[in-house]
Amino acid sequence: NNEVLFQQGMVNRDMAQFLSTREMFEGRLNTMSGLEFRVAQEPAETN
């Protein structure tokens, strides 16, 4: 589903907004079913 959103955002201006931030991109993935890649853990802050 990540590739589907990448392709749609490049050809459709209405879908391009989901490529601006990771939060909007993963929010759009939550509405879809199937195979997906998403961030499970961010880097821990050491300082």
All heavy atoms as atom14 arrays in JSON, in Angstrom:
{
  "sequence": "NNEVLFQQGMVNRDMAQFLSTREMFEGRLNTMSGLEFRVAQEPAETN",
  "atom14_mask": [
    [1, 1, 1, 1, 1, 1, 1, 1, 0, 0, 0, 0, 0, 0],
    [1, 1, 1, 1, 1, 1, 1, 1, 0, 0, 0, 0, 0, 0],
    [1, 1, 1, 1, 1, 1, 1, 1, 1, 0, 0, 0, 0, 0],
    [1, 1, 1, 1, 1, 1, 1, 0, 0, 0, 0, 0, 0, 0],
    [1, 1, 1, 1, 1, 1, 1, 1, 0, 0, 0, 0, 0, 0],
    [1, 1, 1, 1, 1, 1, 1, 1, 1, 1, 1, 0, 0, 0],
    [1, 1, 1, 1, 1, 1, 1, 1, 1, 0, 0, 0, 0, 0],
    [1, 1, 1, 1, 1, 1, 1, 1, 1, 0, 0, 0, 0, 0],
    [1, 1, 1, 1, 0, 0, 0, 0, 0, 0, 0, 0, 0, 0],
    [1, 1, 1, 1, 1, 1, 1, 1, 0, 0, 0, 0, 0, 0],
    [1, 1, 1, 1, 1, 1, 1, 0, 0, 0, 0, 0, 0, 0],
    [1, 1, 1, 1, 1, 1, 1, 1, 0, 0, 0, 0, 0, 0],
    [1, 1, 1, 1, 1, 1, 1, 1, 1, 1, 1, 0, 0, 0],
    [1, 1, 1, 1, 1, 1, 1, 1, 0, 0, 0, 0, 0, 0],
    [1, 1, 1, 1, 1, 1, 1, 1, 0, 0, 0, 0, 0, 0],
    [1, 1, 1, 1, 1, 0, 0, 0, 0, 0, 0, 0, 0, 0],
    [1, 1, 1, 1, 1, 1, 1, 1, 1, 0, 0, 0, 0, 0],
    [1, 1, 1, 1, 1, 1, 1, 1, 1, 1, 1, 0, 0, 0],
    [1, 1, 1, 1, 1, 1, 1, 1, 0, 0, 0, 0, 0, 0],
    [1, 1, 1, 1, 1, 1, 0, 0, 0, 0, 0, 0, 0, 0],
    [1, 1, 1, 1, 1, 1, 1, 0, 0, 0, 0, 0, 0, 0],
    [1, 1, 1, 1, 1, 1, 1, 1, 1, 1, 1, 0, 0, 0],
    [1, 1, 1, 1, 1, 1, 1, 1, 1, 0, 0, 0, 0, 0],
    [1, 1, 1, 1, 1, 1, 1, 1, 0, 0, 0, 0, 0, 0],
    [1, 1, 1, 1, 1, 1, 1, 1, 1, 1, 1, 0, 0, 0],
    [1, 1, 1, 1, 1, 1, 1, 1, 1, 0, 0, 0, 0, 0],
    [1, 1, 1, 1, 0, 0, 0, 0, 0, 0, 0, 0, 0, 0],
    [1, 1, 1, 1, 1, 1, 1, 1, 1, 1, 1, 0, 0, 0],
    [1, 1, 1, 1, 1, 1, 1, 1, 0, 0, 0, 0, 0, 0],
    [1, 1, 1, 1, 1, 1, 1, 1, 0, 0, 0, 0, 0, 0],
    [1, 1, 1, 1, 1, 1, 1, 0, 0, 0, 0, 0, 0, 0],
    [1, 1, 1, 1, 1, 1, 1, 1, 0, 0, 0, 0, 0, 0],
    [1, 1, 1, 1, 1, 1, 0, 0, 0, 0, 0, 0, 0, 0],
    [1, 1, 1, 1, 0, 0, 0, 0, 0, 0, 0, 0, 0, 0],
    [1, 1, 1, 1, 1, 1, 1, 1, 0, 0, 0, 0, 0, 0],
    [1, 1, 1, 1, 1, 1, 1, 1, 1, 0, 0, 0, 0, 0],
    [1, 1, 1, 1, 1, 1, 1, 1, 1, 1, 1, 0, 0, 0],
    [1, 1, 1, 1, 1, 1, 1, 1, 1, 1, 1, 0, 0, 0],
    [1, 1, 1, 1, 1, 1, 1, 0, 0, 0, 0, 0, 0, 0],
    [1, 1, 1, 1, 1, 0, 0, 0, 0, 0, 0, 0, 0, 0],
    [1, 1, 1, 1, 1, 1, 1, 1, 1, 0, 0, 0, 0, 0],
    [1, 1, 1, 1, 1, 1, 1, 1, 1, 0, 0, 0, 0, 0],
    [1, 1, 1, 1, 1, 1, 1, 0, 0, 0, 0, 0, 0, 0],
    [1, 1, 1, 1, 1, 0, 0, 0, 0, 0, 0, 0, 0, 0],
    [1, 1, 1, 1, 1, 1, 1, 1, 1, 0, 0, 0, 0, 0],
    [1, 1, 1, 1, 1, 1, 1, 0, 0, 0, 0, 0, 0, 0],
    [1, 1, 1, 1, 1, 1, 1, 1, 0, 0, 0, 0, 0, 0]
  ],
  "atom14_positions": [
    [[0.83, -1.2, 0.0], [0.0, 0.0, 0.0], [0.86, 1.26, 0.0], [0.4, 2.32, -0.45], [-0.93, 0.0, 1.21], [-1.98, -1.09, 1.16], [-2.33, -1.58, 0.07], [-2.49, -1.51, 2.32], [0.0, 0.0, 0.0], [0.0, 0.0, 0.0], [0.0, 0.0, 0.0], [0.0, 0.0, 0.0], [0.0, 0.0, 0.0], [0.0, 0.0, 0.0]],
    [[2.07, 1.18, 0.5], [2.97, 2.35, 0.43], [3.22, 2.76, -1.0], [3.2, 3.96, -1.35], [4.29, 2.02, 1.12], [4.14, 1.71, 2.59], [3.39, 0.81, 2.95], [4.84, 2.43, 3.44], [0.0, 0.0, 0.0], [0.0, 0.0, 0.0], [0.0, 0.0, 0.0], [0.0, 0.0, 0.0], [0.0, 0.0, 0.0], [0.0, 0.0, 0.0]],
    [[3.45, 1.8, -1.88], [3.72, 2.12, -3.29], [2.48, 2.69, -3.95], [2.58, 3.6, -4.8], [4.17, 0.85, -4.02], [4.55, 1.06, -5.47], [5.78, 1.94, -5.63], [6.55, 2.09, -4.65], [5.98, 2.49, -6.75], [0.0, 0.0, 0.0], [0.0, 0.0, 0.0], [0.0, 0.0, 0.0], [0.0, 0.0, 0.0], [0.0, 0.0, 0.0]],
    [[1.3, 2.2, -3.55], [0.05, 2.74, -4.11], [-0.09, 4.21, -3.76], [-0.43, 5.06, -4.62], [-1.16, 1.93, -3.61], [-2.47, 2.57, -4.07], [-1.09, 0.49, -4.11], [0.0, 0.0, 0.0], [0.0, 0.0, 0.0], [0.0, 0.0, 0.0], [0.0, 0.0, 0.0], [0.0, 0.0, 0.0], [0.0, 0.0, 0.0], [0.0, 0.0, 0.0]],
    [[0.18, 4.58, -2.49], [0.06, 5.98, -2.1], [1.13, 6.84, -2.77], [0.86, 8.01, -3.14], [0.17, 6.09, -0.58], [-1.02, 5.55, 0.22], [-0.8, 5.75, 1.72], [-2.31, 6.26, -0.19], [0.0, 0.0, 0.0], [0.0, 0.0, 0.0], [0.0, 0.0, 0.0], [0.0, 0.0, 0.0], [0.0, 0.0, 0.0], [0.0, 0.0, 0.0]],
    [[2.36, 6.3, -2.93], [3.4, 7.07, -3.62], [2.99, 7.39, -5.07], [3.16, 8.52, -5.54], [4.71, 6.29, -3.61], [5.44, 6.38, -2.28], [5.97, 5.23, -1.7], [5.61, 7.58, -1.62], [6.63, 5.29, -0.5], [6.27, 7.65, -0.42], [6.79, 6.49, 0.16], [0.0, 0.0, 0.0], [0.0, 0.0, 0.0], [0.0, 0.0, 0.0]],
    [[2.44, 6.43, -5.76], [2.04, 6.62, -7.16], [0.86, 7.58, -7.26], [0.82, 8.46, -8.15], [1.69, 5.27, -7.8], [2.86, 4.3, -7.88], [3.98, 4.81, -8.75], [3.78, 5.59, -9.71], [5.21, 4.37, -8.44], [0.0, 0.0, 0.0], [0.0, 0.0, 0.0], [0.0, 0.0, 0.0], [0.0, 0.0, 0.0], [0.0, 0.0, 0.0]],
    [[-0.09, 7.43, -6.34], [-1.25, 8.33, -6.38], [-0.86, 9.76, -6.04], [-1.4, 10.72, -6.61], [-2.32, 7.83, -5.4], [-2.99, 6.53, -5.82], [-4.01, 6.06, -4.8], [-4.14, 6.64, -3.71], [-4.74, 4.99, -5.14], [0.0, 0.0, 0.0], [0.0, 0.0, 0.0], [0.0, 0.0, 0.0], [0.0, 0.0, 0.0], [0.0, 0.0, 0.0]],
    [[0.08, 9.95, -5.11], [0.47, 11.3, -4.75], [1.22, 12.0, -5.85], [1.22, 13.25, -5.91], [0.0, 0.0, 0.0], [0.0, 0.0, 0.0], [0.0, 0.0, 0.0], [0.0, 0.0, 0.0], [0.0, 0.0, 0.0], [0.0, 0.0, 0.0], [0.0, 0.0, 0.0], [0.0, 0.0, 0.0], [0.0, 0.0, 0.0], [0.0, 0.0, 0.0]],
    [[1.87, 11.24, -6.76], [2.62, 11.88, -7.84], [1.74, 12.27, -9.02], [2.09, 13.19, -9.77], [3.73, 10.93, -8.32], [4.85, 10.77, -7.31], [6.26, 9.9, -7.98], [7.44, 10.09, -6.66], [0.0, 0.0, 0.0], [0.0, 0.0, 0.0], [0.0, 0.0, 0.0], [0.0, 0.0, 0.0], [0.0, 0.0, 0.0], [0.0, 0.0, 0.0]],
    [[0.62, 11.61, -9.18], [-0.24, 11.91, -10.34], [-1.52, 12.64, -9.93], [-2.2, 13.21, -10.78], [-0.59, 10.61, -11.08], [0.66, 9.96, -11.63], [-1.37, 9.64, -10.19], [0.0, 0.0, 0.0], [0.0, 0.0, 0.0], [0.0, 0.0, 0.0], [0.0, 0.0, 0.0], [0.0, 0.0, 0.0], [0.0, 0.0, 0.0], [0.0, 0.0, 0.0]],
    [[-1.87, 12.63, -8.65], [-3.11, 13.24, -8.19], [-2.76, 14.3, -7.15], [-2.14, 14.02, -6.13], [-4.03, 12.17, -7.59], [-5.42, 12.72, -7.31], [-5.66, 13.92, -7.35], [-6.35, 11.81, -7.02], [0.0, 0.0, 0.0], [0.0, 0.0, 0.0], [0.0, 0.0, 0.0], [0.0, 0.0, 0.0], [0.0, 0.0, 0.0], [0.0, 0.0, 0.0]],
    [[-3.15, 15.56, -7.44], [-2.84, 16.63, -6.52], [-3.59, 16.49, -5.21], [-3.08, 16.91, -4.16], [-3.18, 17.98, -7.17], [-2.3, 18.32, -8.36], [-2.65, 19.69, -8.91], [-1.78, 20.04, -10.04], [-1.87, 21.19, -10.7], [-2.79, 22.11, -10.33], [-1.07, 21.44, -11.7], [0.0, 0.0, 0.0], [0.0, 0.0, 0.0], [0.0, 0.0, 0.0]],
    [[-4.78, 15.92, -5.24], [-5.54, 15.74, -4.0], [-4.88, 14.71, -3.06], [-5.03, 14.8, -1.85], [-6.97, 15.29, -4.31], [-7.75, 16.34, -5.1], [-7.38, 17.54, -5.0], [-8.7, 15.97, -5.81], [0.0, 0.0, 0.0], [0.0, 0.0, 0.0], [0.0, 0.0, 0.0], [0.0, 0.0, 0.0], [0.0, 0.0, 0.0], [0.0, 0.0, 0.0]],
    [[-4.14, 13.76, -3.64], [-3.47, 12.75, -2.83], [-2.05, 13.16, -2.44], [-1.43, 12.5, -1.62], [-3.41, 11.43, -3.6], [-4.79, 10.85, -3.95], [-5.74, 10.35, -2.49], [-4.71, 9.03, -1.87], [0.0, 0.0, 0.0], [0.0, 0.0, 0.0], [0.0, 0.0, 0.0], [0.0, 0.0, 0.0], [0.0, 0.0, 0.0], [0.0, 0.0, 0.0]],
    [[-1.56, 14.26, -3.04], [-0.19, 14.68, -2.75], [-0.02, 15.15, -1.32], [1.08, 15.13, -0.76], [0.23, 15.78, -3.72], [0.0, 0.0, 0.0], [0.0, 0.0, 0.0], [0.0, 0.0, 0.0], [0.0, 0.0, 0.0], [0.0, 0.0, 0.0], [0.0, 0.0, 0.0], [0.0, 0.0, 0.0], [0.0, 0.0, 0.0], [0.0, 0.0, 0.0]],
    [[-1.13, 15.58, -0.7], [-1.03, 16.08, 0.67], [-0.63, 14.96, 1.66], [-0.03, 15.24, 2.69], [-2.37, 16.67, 1.1], [-3.52, 15.68, 1.03], [-4.85, 16.27, 1.46], [-4.88, 17.31, 2.14], [-5.94, 15.64, 1.07], [0.0, 0.0, 0.0], [0.0, 0.0, 0.0], [0.0, 0.0, 0.0], [0.0, 0.0, 0.0], [0.0, 0.0, 0.0]],
    [[-0.94, 13.69, 1.29], [-0.59, 12.59, 2.19], [0.9, 12.26, 2.16], [1.38, 11.49, 2.99], [-1.39, 11.34, 1.83], [-2.88, 11.51, 2.0], [-3.7, 11.6, 0.9], [-3.45, 11.62, 3.26], [-5.07, 11.75, 1.05], [-4.81, 11.78, 3.41], [-5.64, 11.85, 2.31], [0.0, 0.0, 0.0], [0.0, 0.0, 0.0], [0.0, 0.0, 0.0]],
    [[1.61, 12.87, 1.21], [3.05, 12.64, 1.14], [3.86, 13.72, 1.84], [5.08, 13.65, 1.89], [3.5, 12.54, -0.32], [2.83, 11.48, -1.2], [3.41, 11.54, -2.61], [3.0, 10.1, -0.59], [0.0, 0.0, 0.0], [0.0, 0.0, 0.0], [0.0, 0.0, 0.0], [0.0, 0.0, 0.0], [0.0, 0.0, 0.0], [0.0, 0.0, 0.0]],
    [[3.2, 14.7, 2.41], [3.91, 15.82, 3.01], [4.52, 15.44, 4.36], [5.66, 15.8, 4.66], [2.96, 17.02, 3.16], [1.83, 16.63, 3.97], [0.0, 0.0, 0.0], [0.0, 0.0, 0.0], [0.0, 0.0, 0.0], [0.0, 0.0, 0.0], [0.0, 0.0, 0.0], [0.0, 0.0, 0.0], [0.0, 0.0, 0.0], [0.0, 0.0, 0.0]],
    [[3.78, 14.71, 5.2], [4.28, 14.32, 6.53], [4.05, 12.83, 6.74], [3.17, 12.22, 6.13], [3.58, 15.11, 7.64], [2.18, 14.83, 7.6], [3.83, 16.61, 7.49], [0.0, 0.0, 0.0], [0.0, 0.0, 0.0], [0.0, 0.0, 0.0], [0.0, 0.0, 0.0], [0.0, 0.0, 0.0], [0.0, 0.0, 0.0], [0.0, 0.0, 0.0]],
    [[4.84, 12.26, 7.63], [4.7, 10.82, 7.92], [3.4, 10.54, 8.67], [2.79, 9.48, 8.49], [5.89, 10.33, 8.75], [5.85, 8.83, 9.07], [7.15, 8.36, 9.69], [7.41, 8.98, 10.96], [6.96, 8.53, 12.14], [6.19, 7.46, 12.19], [7.27, 9.16, 13.27], [0.0, 0.0, 0.0], [0.0, 0.0, 0.0], [0.0, 0.0, 0.0]],
    [[2.96, 11.44, 9.53], [1.72, 11.22, 10.27], [0.53, 11.12, 9.31], [-0.33, 10.23, 9.47], [1.5, 12.36, 11.27], [2.45, 12.36, 12.46], [3.85, 12.85, 12.1], [4.02, 13.37, 10.98], [4.77, 12.68, 12.93], [0.0, 0.0, 0.0], [0.0, 0.0, 0.0], [0.0, 0.0, 0.0], [0.0, 0.0, 0.0], [0.0, 0.0, 0.0]],
    [[0.45, 11.99, 8.29], [-0.65, 11.92, 7.33], [-0.52, 10.69, 6.44], [-1.52, 10.07, 6.08], [-0.67, 13.2, 6.48], [-0.94, 14.47, 7.26], [-1.04, 15.93, 6.19], [-2.48, 15.53, 5.19], [0.0, 0.0, 0.0], [0.0, 0.0, 0.0], [0.0, 0.0, 0.0], [0.0, 0.0, 0.0], [0.0, 0.0, 0.0], [0.0, 0.0, 0.0]],
    [[0.72, 10.32, 6.12], [0.92, 9.14, 5.27], [0.48, 7.86, 6.0], [-0.24, 7.03, 5.43], [2.4, 9.05, 4.88], [2.72, 7.93, 3.94], [2.52, 8.08, 2.56], [3.22, 6.73, 4.4], [2.8, 7.06, 1.68], [3.51, 5.7, 3.53], [3.31, 5.85, 2.17], [0.0, 0.0, 0.0], [0.0, 0.0, 0.0], [0.0, 0.0, 0.0]],
    [[0.88, 7.7, 7.28], [0.49, 6.52, 8.02], [-0.99, 6.56, 8.4], [-1.63, 5.51, 8.54], [1.35, 6.38, 9.28], [2.81, 6.06, 8.97], [3.65, 5.88, 10.22], [3.13, 6.24, 11.31], [4.79, 5.39, 10.13], [0.0, 0.0, 0.0], [0.0, 0.0, 0.0], [0.0, 0.0, 0.0], [0.0, 0.0, 0.0], [0.0, 0.0, 0.0]],
    [[-1.55, 7.77, 8.56], [-3.0, 7.86, 8.8], [-3.79, 7.37, 7.61], [-4.86, 6.75, 7.78], [0.0, 0.0, 0.0], [0.0, 0.0, 0.0], [0.0, 0.0, 0.0], [0.0, 0.0, 0.0], [0.0, 0.0, 0.0], [0.0, 0.0, 0.0], [0.0, 0.0, 0.0], [0.0, 0.0, 0.0], [0.0, 0.0, 0.0], [0.0, 0.0, 0.0]],
    [[-3.3, 7.63, 6.41], [-3.97, 7.13, 5.21], [-3.82, 5.6, 5.1], [-4.74, 4.92, 4.66], [-3.38, 7.8, 3.96], [-4.03, 7.39, 2.65], [-5.48, 7.79, 2.6], [-6.09, 7.43, 1.32], [-7.38, 7.62, 1.0], [-8.19, 8.21, 1.9], [-7.85, 7.27, -0.19], [0.0, 0.0, 0.0], [0.0, 0.0, 0.0], [0.0, 0.0, 0.0]],
    [[-2.67, 5.08, 5.53], [-2.47, 3.62, 5.51], [-3.43, 2.92, 6.46], [-3.83, 1.77, 6.2], [-1.02, 3.27, 5.89], [0.07, 3.59, 4.88], [1.45, 3.27, 5.46], [-0.15, 2.82, 3.58], [0.0, 0.0, 0.0], [0.0, 0.0, 0.0], [0.0, 0.0, 0.0], [0.0, 0.0, 0.0], [0.0, 0.0, 0.0], [0.0, 0.0, 0.0]],
    [[-3.8, 3.58, 7.56], [-4.72, 2.95, 8.52], [-6.1, 2.72, 7.92], [-6.85, 1.87, 8.42], [-4.84, 3.82, 9.78], [-3.54, 3.87, 10.56], [-2.69, 2.98, 10.44], [-3.37, 4.92, 11.35], [0.0, 0.0, 0.0], [0.0, 0.0, 0.0], [0.0, 0.0, 0.0], [0.0, 0.0, 0.0], [0.0, 0.0, 0.0], [0.0, 0.0, 0.0]],
    [[-6.45, 3.44, 6.87], [-7.76, 3.27, 6.24], [-7.75, 2.19, 5.17], [-8.81, 1.88, 4.62], [-8.22, 4.59, 5.61], [-7.28, 4.98, 4.58], [-8.28, 5.7, 6.66], [0.0, 0.0, 0.0], [0.0, 0.0, 0.0], [0.0, 0.0, 0.0], [0.0, 0.0, 0.0], [0.0, 0.0, 0.0], [0.0, 0.0, 0.0], [0.0, 0.0, 0.0]],
    [[-6.6, 1.62, 4.9], [-6.47, 0.61, 3.85], [-6.16, -0.74, 4.49], [-5.71, -0.83, 5.63], [-5.36, 1.01, 2.86], [-5.52, 2.4, 2.28], [-4.09, 2.95, 1.33], [-4.13, 1.8, -0.03], [0.0, 0.0, 0.0], [0.0, 0.0, 0.0], [0.0, 0.0, 0.0], [0.0, 0.0, 0.0], [0.0, 0.0, 0.0], [0.0, 0.0, 0.0]],
    [[-6.4, -1.79, 3.75], [-6.08, -3.15, 4.2], [-5.12, -3.77, 3.2], [-5.18, -3.52, 2.0], [-7.34, -4.0, 4.33], [-8.01, -4.11, 3.07], [0.0, 0.0, 0.0], [0.0, 0.0, 0.0], [0.0, 0.0, 0.0], [0.0, 0.0, 0.0], [0.0, 0.0, 0.0], [0.0, 0.0, 0.0], [0.0, 0.0, 0.0], [0.0, 0.0, 0.0]],
    [[-4.22, -4.6, 3.73], [-3.23, -5.24, 2.87], [-1.82, -5.06, 3.42], [-1.6, -4.73, 4.6], [0.0, 0.0, 0.0], [0.0, 0.0, 0.0], [0.0, 0.0, 0.0], [0.0, 0.0, 0.0], [0.0, 0.0, 0.0], [0.0, 0.0, 0.0], [0.0, 0.0, 0.0], [0.0, 0.0, 0.0], [0.0, 0.0, 0.0], [0.0, 0.0, 0.0]],
    [[-0.82, -5.27, 2.55], [0.58, -5.19, 2.94], [1.02, -3.74, 3.06], [0.7, -2.91, 2.18], [1.44, -5.92, 1.91], [2.94, -5.96, 2.15], [3.27, -6.73, 3.41], [3.66, -6.55, 0.95], [0.0, 0.0, 0.0], [0.0, 0.0, 0.0], [0.0, 0.0, 0.0], [0.0, 0.0, 0.0], [0.0, 0.0, 0.0], [0.0, 0.0, 0.0]],
    [[1.78, -3.41, 4.11], [2.24, -2.04, 4.33], [3.54, -2.05, 5.1], [3.91, -3.02, 5.76], [1.19, -1.24, 5.11], [0.94, -1.77, 6.52], [-0.15, -1.0, 7.25], [-0.89, -0.25, 6.59], [-0.25, -1.16, 8.48], [0.0, 0.0, 0.0], [0.0, 0.0, 0.0], [0.0, 0.0, 0.0], [0.0, 0.0, 0.0], [0.0, 0.0, 0.0]],
    [[4.29, -0.92, 4.96], [5.51, -0.66, 5.73], [5.26, 0.6, 6.55], [4.87, 1.63, 6.0], [6.71, -0.45, 4.8], [7.11, -1.66, 4.01], [6.55, -1.91, 2.77], [8.04, -2.57, 4.51], [6.9, -3.02, 2.02], [8.4, -3.68, 3.77], [7.84, -3.91, 2.54], [0.0, 0.0, 0.0], [0.0, 0.0, 0.0], [0.0, 0.0, 0.0]],
    [[5.55, 0.53, 7.86], [5.35, 1.71, 8.71], [6.38, 1.69, 9.82], [6.95, 0.66, 10.17], [3.93, 1.76, 9.27], [3.58, 0.61, 10.15], [2.12, 0.71, 10.59], [1.84, 1.98, 11.21], [0.75, 2.71, 10.93], [-0.12, 2.28, 10.03], [0.55, 3.88, 11.54], [0.0, 0.0, 0.0], [0.0, 0.0, 0.0], [0.0, 0.0, 0.0]],
    [[6.63, 2.88, 10.36], [7.63, 3.04, 11.42], [7.04, 2.5, 12.72], [5.98, 2.94, 13.16], [8.03, 4.51, 11.57], [8.99, 4.69, 12.75], [8.67, 5.03, 10.29], [0.0, 0.0, 0.0], [0.0, 0.0, 0.0], [0.0, 0.0, 0.0], [0.0, 0.0, 0.0], [0.0, 0.0, 0.0], [0.0, 0.0, 0.0], [0.0, 0.0, 0.0]],
    [[7.77, 1.52, 13.34], [7.33, 0.94, 14.61], [7.98, 1.63, 15.8], [7.4, 1.67, 16.88], [7.66, -0.55, 14.64], [0.0, 0.0, 0.0], [0.0, 0.0, 0.0], [0.0, 0.0, 0.0], [0.0, 0.0, 0.0], [0.0, 0.0, 0.0], [0.0, 0.0, 0.0], [0.0, 0.0, 0.0], [0.0, 0.0, 0.0], [0.0, 0.0, 0.0]],
    [[9.19, 2.18, 15.6], [9.87, 2.84, 16.71], [10.81, 3.89, 16.16], [11.54, 3.66, 15.2], [10.65, 1.81, 17.55], [11.31, 2.4, 18.78], [11.99, 1.34, 19.63], [11.84, 0.15, 19.36], [12.73, 1.76, 20.64], [0.0, 0.0, 0.0], [0.0, 0.0, 0.0], [0.0, 0.0, 0.0], [0.0, 0.0, 0.0], [0.0, 0.0, 0.0]],
    [[10.78, 5.07, 16.77], [11.66, 6.15, 16.38], [12.95, 6.09, 17.19], [13.03, 5.39, 18.2], [10.95, 7.49, 16.6], [9.69, 7.67, 15.78], [9.05, 9.02, 16.02], [9.59, 9.78, 16.87], [8.02, 9.32, 15.39], [0.0, 0.0, 0.0], [0.0, 0.0, 0.0], [0.0, 0.0, 0.0], [0.0, 0.0, 0.0], [0.0, 0.0, 0.0]],
    [[13.99, 6.82, 16.77], [15.25, 6.83, 17.53], [15.04, 7.35, 18.94], [14.36, 8.35, 19.15], [16.16, 7.74, 16.72], [15.58, 7.73, 15.35], [14.11, 7.57, 15.52], [0.0, 0.0, 0.0], [0.0, 0.0, 0.0], [0.0, 0.0, 0.0], [0.0, 0.0, 0.0], [0.0, 0.0, 0.0], [0.0, 0.0, 0.0], [0.0, 0.0, 0.0]],
    [[15.63, 6.65, 19.91], [15.53, 7.07, 21.31], [16.42, 8.3, 21.52], [17.53, 8.39, 21.0], [15.96, 5.95, 22.25], [0.0, 0.0, 0.0], [0.0, 0.0, 0.0], [0.0, 0.0, 0.0], [0.0, 0.0, 0.0], [0.0, 0.0, 0.0], [0.0, 0.0, 0.0], [0.0, 0.0, 0.0], [0.0, 0.0, 0.0], [0.0, 0.0, 0.0]],
    [[15.93, 9.24, 22.31], [16.66, 10.49, 22.56], [17.65, 10.26, 23.69], [17.28, 9.98, 24.84], [15.68, 11.6, 22.93], [16.36, 12.96, 23.1], [15.37, 14.06, 23.37], [14.16, 13.75, 23.41], [15.8, 15.2, 23.56], [0.0, 0.0, 0.0], [0.0, 0.0, 0.0], [0.0, 0.0, 0.0], [0.0, 0.0, 0.0], [0.0, 0.0, 0.0]],
    [[18.93, 10.33, 23.39], [19.98, 10.14, 24.39], [20.35, 11.44, 25.1], [20.78, 11.42, 26.24], [21.24, 9.54, 23.75], [21.65, 10.4, 22.65], [20.93, 8.16, 23.17], [0.0, 0.0, 0.0], [0.0, 0.0, 0.0], [0.0, 0.0, 0.0], [0.0, 0.0, 0.0], [0.0, 0.0, 0.0], [0.0, 0.0, 0.0], [0.0, 0.0, 0.0]],
    [[20.2, 12.55, 24.43], [20.47, 13.85, 25.01], [19.62, 14.87, 24.26], [19.1, 14.57, 23.18], [21.96, 14.21, 24.94], [22.52, 14.05, 23.54], [22.13, 14.77, 22.62], [23.42, 13.09, 23.36], [0.0, 0.0, 0.0], [0.0, 0.0, 0.0], [0.0, 0.0, 0.0], [0.0, 0.0, 0.0], [0.0, 0.0, 0.0], [0.0, 0.0, 0.0]]
  ]
}
